[in-house]
Every structure is written in structure tokens, then in C-alpha cells.
């Protein structure tokens, strides 16, 4: 089946928001607010050729560029510096007459041309020190140039080593080993509808402490091209997590939750994203890391639960990450949390009320709600 893809670009004041999706009839699926790997598909709309934000913070720019670009820039920095100082040595030798004369009044000995000057520049900056080409005490200018090149060499080496170390220890690399489940599920927990998703660490040196956060993001495109984005925090049952084994993050669909009125039918027409993030400190480097992802309505599975993946062994707890994204159907009401609470605890005098206890404690009520009895195993990869 052939599928046509269309792209629409909508410009706002400071950003360019792309809309990319598969066309089915007259409908077009919007581009995500956040990609599954935590990247934001946002391009800044600025004056062409304005590189000042990148040049002001050049260290961060060099850390964030690709490895091949960084290696190319660092190689050019050394080669260009060798050429520059080599040109200075050649000019000194040419002015002093070292190229044509072989007497004792030389500035740089054994420099007979630009090639020899370039070799002397490289030997000086790389501290190779072959000893064949040397500066003499007869020319103060050559001594000053050698001193300046030595100082510049130390500065350049410090910058290169610092950027390489920072890039190798980048938080993004560690964040790739901490992952969220591909989907979120909605099921009953202790009689309350809950939205939950999984979080796991794939490395052996486990994370001992971290904080989880979730937001509901809604954005609406106005006719004039403006984009209005709203954010609402989602209360997490346990924000502080000890991630030794995979953890299930739970948000209760209770009054006050922006998802309280959300039902299974609303997932088919709703357009929002649940942006989740996990901020933690790596136990090996002590650096702060963050892993994030998002869930669209099509990635929320109503009436399902995650499969158990932790089993006790003789000496260890066995964690099967092959079940990290696997879910199965469970019996639960296919209705919103608001409707479920209204049917479970209707107003006084309603025929749906099954029992009311008033003995000095809080009134409780319970009714039987139609649920799906079919239980099946389903895998989402």
C-alpha cells in the first residue's frame, strides 16, 4: 500500500514548527512535541548567518558538535598553528639571511626554506625536540616567537583535552542506557484508575537515586500561525526512585488530575503528549544526567498491565528485559476515572448506590461496574 507523506512548516515568532505525518483521506497526523528519544523537533527561526549564540559559548558548541567535526576542527587548529609559526620562522630566517648564509650569526639554525621552518614549528609545539633545528641566542625575535608558541601550545592542549574529556563523559551517552517503556498503560490499582509506565537502567552500575517528573503538554495552532502551548504537572505517587530494578511510575487519575475526565474513547481523538523525565546522578562520574521521552494518546494502552520481569533466584534477582515493553489485558471498566468514581460512589438516593456506611467514619460505597472479562497476552515492541 503506497503512503504519501506531506510536510507543512508553520512559522511563529521565534521558532519554526514542522508538521509531518501520513495522510489518510483528509486527516493528517501532527508531528510530536517530543521524540521518543527525548529530542525536540524545533528549529529556531533567526536571522540567517547569525552565529553569535554559538560563538559566545564556544566551549558548549564544541562539546555538542559531532565527533567527526570536532576531530576535523582540532586537527586544523594544530596544522594551522604550525603553518602560522612556521611562516614566522621562515620570515625571520629570510630577513636575517639564514637561508643563503651558513655562518655563525643565525637566528634559526638549519632552516633553509619554508619546509624546514614548518618542521621546526611542529617540533617546537609538539615538544619532539630532534635537536637538528634550533634557535640561537643571536636573535631575540626568534626567542620571543618560540616562547609565544610554547605558551600557545599549552593553552591549545588544555582546551582540546578538556573538550574531549567533557564530550566522552557527556550526559547524553549515559542517558541512552536508561530507558522508558515504549507505551503507557491505564489500569486499576487499589480501586483507583492509574496511568503508569516503566523505567529501567540497562547498565550494571545501577543508579541509586533519581527524581521523576511528568507533564501534560497541549498545544493548539491558531489560524494566523501562532502556536499556544500549555503545560500541566502530573502528580507522581513516588517521585524519588531507587533504580536498582525496573520501576513502574504511577500517576493516579483522581480529582485534580488533568487526565481525570479522559476516557478510552478520548484517546482516539485527543491530541496531547505526556512528557516524562528522569533526572539522576551517575554513580561512576558524579555527573547530573536526564533521560526523557513522551507518550501520545496512541501510545497509551487502556485496560492493560505490564508483565512481571523480576524473579528471585538462588543468589540474585533475575531481571528479564525482554519483558520490559510487554503488556497483557486485564479486567477493568472502559470509562473515564470521573465516570468510574461517579458510578462507584453515586449521589445519595441514586438507585446505583449499593451500600452506605455512616458510623463516624468516612462514607464508602461500591457498585459493580461492567468490565472486560477477556484476558489475553499482547506484546508491544
Foldseek 3Di string as FASTA:
>chain_A
DDWDKDKDWFDDDWKIAIFIATDDPPDGDGDDCAAFQGHGPIDTDDDPPPCVVCVVPVLVNLLPDDPVVNVVVLVCVLLVQLLVQLVVQQVQQVVVVVQPDQDDLGQKPPDNHSVSSSVVSNCLLVVVCPPRIDGDPNDPVSVVSSVVSNVVSVVSVVSSVVSVVCNVPDLSVQLVQKHKAQFWEWDDDPNFIKIKTKIAGNDPQFFQKKFKWKWKWDWDADPVRDIDIDIDTFDWPDGIDGHPDMDMIITTLDPVGPQQQPFLVCLVVDFIKMKMKMWGARPPPRDIHMTIGIHHSVRYHYQKDQDDAWDDDPPDIGGDCVRNHWIKGHKDDRGGRVVSVCLFDPDPPDPSWDDWDDDPDDTGTGGDDDIDPDIDTDGDD
